[in-house]
Structures are given as C-alpha cells and as structure tokens.
N, C-alpha and C. Protein backbone atom coordinates (compact mmCIF):
# COMPACT_ATOMS: atom_id res chain seq x y z
N MET A 1 41.29 138.85 65.04
CA MET A 1 40.42 137.88 65.67
C MET A 1 41.13 137.35 66.91
N ASP A 2 40.44 137.37 68.01
CA ASP A 2 41.05 136.90 69.25
C ASP A 2 40.96 135.37 69.35
N ASN A 3 41.64 134.83 70.36
CA ASN A 3 41.68 133.37 70.53
C ASN A 3 40.30 132.77 70.78
N PHE A 4 39.46 133.48 71.51
CA PHE A 4 38.12 132.96 71.80
C PHE A 4 37.32 132.76 70.53
N THR A 5 37.28 133.79 69.69
CA THR A 5 36.52 133.72 68.45
C THR A 5 37.09 132.67 67.50
N ALA A 6 38.41 132.62 67.39
CA ALA A 6 39.04 131.64 66.52
C ALA A 6 38.80 130.22 67.03
N GLY A 7 38.88 130.04 68.33
CA GLY A 7 38.65 128.72 68.91
C GLY A 7 37.23 128.23 68.70
N ILE A 8 36.28 129.11 68.96
CA ILE A 8 34.87 128.74 68.75
C ILE A 8 34.61 128.44 67.28
N SER A 9 35.18 129.24 66.38
CA SER A 9 34.99 129.03 64.95
C SER A 9 35.53 127.67 64.51
N LEU A 10 36.72 127.32 64.98
CA LEU A 10 37.30 126.02 64.62
C LEU A 10 36.51 124.86 65.21
N ILE A 11 36.05 125.00 66.43
CA ILE A 11 35.25 123.95 67.05
C ILE A 11 33.95 123.75 66.27
N LEU A 12 33.28 124.83 65.93
CA LEU A 12 32.03 124.72 65.17
C LEU A 12 32.27 124.16 63.77
N THR A 13 33.38 124.54 63.14
CA THR A 13 33.72 123.99 61.83
C THR A 13 33.98 122.49 61.93
N GLY A 14 34.69 122.07 62.96
CA GLY A 14 34.95 120.65 63.17
C GLY A 14 33.67 119.87 63.39
N ILE A 15 32.75 120.42 64.18
CA ILE A 15 31.47 119.76 64.41
C ILE A 15 30.67 119.67 63.12
N PHE A 16 30.70 120.74 62.32
CA PHE A 16 29.99 120.74 61.05
C PHE A 16 30.55 119.68 60.10
N VAL A 17 31.88 119.62 59.97
CA VAL A 17 32.50 118.62 59.09
C VAL A 17 32.17 117.22 59.55
N TRP A 18 32.22 116.97 60.86
CA TRP A 18 31.87 115.66 61.38
C TRP A 18 30.41 115.32 61.05
N PHE A 19 29.50 116.28 61.26
CA PHE A 19 28.08 116.04 61.05
C PHE A 19 27.76 115.74 59.58
N VAL A 20 28.27 116.55 58.66
CA VAL A 20 27.95 116.31 57.25
C VAL A 20 28.63 115.05 56.73
N THR A 21 29.76 114.67 57.32
CA THR A 21 30.39 113.41 56.95
C THR A 21 29.55 112.24 57.46
N TYR A 22 29.06 112.34 58.67
CA TYR A 22 28.23 111.29 59.26
C TYR A 22 26.92 111.10 58.48
N LYS A 23 26.28 112.22 58.15
CA LYS A 23 24.99 112.17 57.46
C LYS A 23 25.14 111.92 55.95
N LYS A 24 26.32 112.20 55.41
CA LYS A 24 26.61 112.06 53.97
C LYS A 24 25.62 112.85 53.11
N TYR A 25 25.47 114.14 53.46
CA TYR A 25 24.62 115.01 52.66
C TYR A 25 25.18 115.14 51.25
N HIS A 26 24.29 115.12 50.27
CA HIS A 26 24.73 115.14 48.87
C HIS A 26 25.43 116.45 48.51
N LEU A 27 25.00 117.55 49.12
CA LEU A 27 25.63 118.83 48.82
C LEU A 27 27.11 118.80 49.19
N PHE A 28 27.45 118.15 50.27
CA PHE A 28 28.85 118.06 50.72
C PHE A 28 29.54 116.84 50.12
N TRP A 29 28.88 115.70 50.14
CA TRP A 29 29.49 114.43 49.73
C TRP A 29 29.76 114.39 48.24
N ASP A 30 28.97 115.09 47.43
CA ASP A 30 29.15 115.10 45.98
C ASP A 30 29.89 116.35 45.49
N PHE A 31 30.44 117.12 46.41
CA PHE A 31 31.25 118.28 46.04
C PHE A 31 32.50 117.80 45.31
N PHE A 32 33.06 118.63 44.45
CA PHE A 32 34.16 118.23 43.58
C PHE A 32 35.34 117.63 44.34
N ASP A 33 35.77 118.31 45.41
CA ASP A 33 36.92 117.82 46.18
C ASP A 33 36.62 116.50 46.88
N ALA A 34 35.43 116.37 47.41
CA ALA A 34 35.05 115.12 48.06
C ALA A 34 34.94 113.99 47.04
N LYS A 35 34.48 114.30 45.84
CA LYS A 35 34.41 113.27 44.80
C LYS A 35 35.80 112.78 44.42
N LEU A 36 36.76 113.71 44.35
CA LEU A 36 38.14 113.29 44.05
C LEU A 36 38.69 112.38 45.14
N LEU A 37 38.47 112.76 46.40
CA LEU A 37 38.92 111.89 47.50
C LEU A 37 38.23 110.54 47.45
N ARG A 38 36.94 110.53 47.18
CA ARG A 38 36.19 109.27 47.12
C ARG A 38 36.68 108.40 45.97
N ARG A 39 37.05 109.02 44.87
CA ARG A 39 37.53 108.24 43.72
C ARG A 39 38.87 107.58 44.04
N PHE A 40 39.76 108.31 44.71
CA PHE A 40 41.11 107.79 44.97
C PHE A 40 41.18 106.92 46.23
N LEU A 41 40.41 107.26 47.26
CA LEU A 41 40.51 106.55 48.53
C LEU A 41 39.35 105.62 48.82
N GLY A 42 38.23 105.83 48.16
CA GLY A 42 37.02 105.07 48.48
C GLY A 42 36.20 105.80 49.52
N ASP A 43 34.96 105.40 49.64
CA ASP A 43 34.04 106.10 50.54
C ASP A 43 34.44 105.96 52.01
N THR A 44 34.82 104.76 52.41
CA THR A 44 35.12 104.52 53.82
C THR A 44 36.36 105.28 54.26
N LEU A 45 37.44 105.20 53.51
CA LEU A 45 38.67 105.89 53.88
C LEU A 45 38.51 107.40 53.81
N THR A 46 37.72 107.87 52.86
CA THR A 46 37.43 109.31 52.78
C THR A 46 36.67 109.77 54.02
N ALA A 47 35.71 108.99 54.46
CA ALA A 47 34.96 109.35 55.67
C ALA A 47 35.89 109.38 56.88
N TYR A 48 36.78 108.38 57.01
CA TYR A 48 37.73 108.38 58.12
C TYR A 48 38.65 109.59 58.07
N LEU A 49 39.10 109.97 56.89
CA LEU A 49 39.97 111.13 56.74
C LEU A 49 39.24 112.40 57.16
N LEU A 50 37.98 112.53 56.75
CA LEU A 50 37.20 113.72 57.12
C LEU A 50 36.89 113.75 58.61
N TYR A 51 36.67 112.57 59.21
CA TYR A 51 36.51 112.52 60.66
C TYR A 51 37.78 112.97 61.36
N LEU A 52 38.93 112.54 60.84
CA LEU A 52 40.21 112.96 61.42
C LEU A 52 40.39 114.47 61.31
N VAL A 53 40.06 115.03 60.16
CA VAL A 53 40.16 116.49 59.97
C VAL A 53 39.25 117.21 60.97
N SER A 54 38.04 116.70 61.16
CA SER A 54 37.12 117.37 62.10
C SER A 54 37.64 117.29 63.53
N VAL A 55 38.24 116.17 63.91
CA VAL A 55 38.80 116.05 65.27
C VAL A 55 39.98 117.00 65.45
N VAL A 56 40.81 117.13 64.43
CA VAL A 56 41.94 118.07 64.50
C VAL A 56 41.43 119.50 64.65
N PHE A 57 40.39 119.86 63.89
CA PHE A 57 39.81 121.20 64.04
C PHE A 57 39.30 121.43 65.45
N ILE A 58 38.62 120.45 66.01
CA ILE A 58 38.07 120.59 67.36
C ILE A 58 39.18 120.71 68.39
N ILE A 59 40.23 119.91 68.26
CA ILE A 59 41.34 119.96 69.22
C ILE A 59 42.06 121.30 69.14
N ILE A 60 42.36 121.75 67.94
CA ILE A 60 43.06 123.04 67.79
C ILE A 60 42.17 124.18 68.28
N GLY A 61 40.87 124.10 67.99
CA GLY A 61 39.94 125.11 68.49
C GLY A 61 39.90 125.14 70.00
N TYR A 62 39.90 123.97 70.62
CA TYR A 62 39.91 123.90 72.09
C TYR A 62 41.19 124.50 72.67
N LEU A 63 42.33 124.16 72.05
CA LEU A 63 43.61 124.70 72.53
C LEU A 63 43.66 126.22 72.38
N LEU A 64 43.11 126.74 71.29
CA LEU A 64 43.03 128.20 71.12
C LEU A 64 42.13 128.81 72.17
N LEU A 65 41.01 128.16 72.41
CA LEU A 65 40.02 128.66 73.37
C LEU A 65 40.62 128.74 74.77
N LYS A 66 41.40 127.77 75.14
CA LYS A 66 42.00 127.73 76.47
C LYS A 66 43.29 128.55 76.57
N GLY A 67 43.79 129.04 75.43
CA GLY A 67 44.97 129.90 75.45
C GLY A 67 46.29 129.17 75.38
N PHE A 68 46.28 127.89 75.04
CA PHE A 68 47.53 127.15 74.92
C PHE A 68 48.28 127.48 73.64
N ILE A 69 47.54 127.92 72.63
CA ILE A 69 48.13 128.35 71.34
C ILE A 69 47.87 129.83 71.20
N LEU A 70 48.89 130.58 70.84
CA LEU A 70 48.69 132.02 70.68
C LEU A 70 48.34 132.35 69.31
C-alpha cells in the first residue's frame, strides 16, 4: 500500500470515528470495547478519548499523504 492510499484510509477512518462518536450511534457506542471504556471512564471522558484518537488518525493520515512519514 502506498502512502497516498494509507493516508486517505487513515483520514477517512479518523473522520468516521469522529462522526460516530459525535452522533453516538448505538451500533458503535454500545459495542463491547466502547462499553468497557464507558464503564471505567464515563461517557464524557470516553468521547474525549475517541475524539483524540480520531484527530491522531487524521494527523498521521495527512503526514502520510504529504510524504513526511515513509
């Protein structure tokens, strides 16, 4: 997989994670791993953590897309 494809994939994954966290879809929000995070961290902190993960995905995807990361 080249940098372009990997970068676009990570950016789209980050946007998807941000969107489903924002909308709190039951399919994603009630998934087993999300339930564990919600139980230990609470809903608000879990949402912030997922927003952080989505931003990291978008940043790494952008850096791959621009060729800063090989």
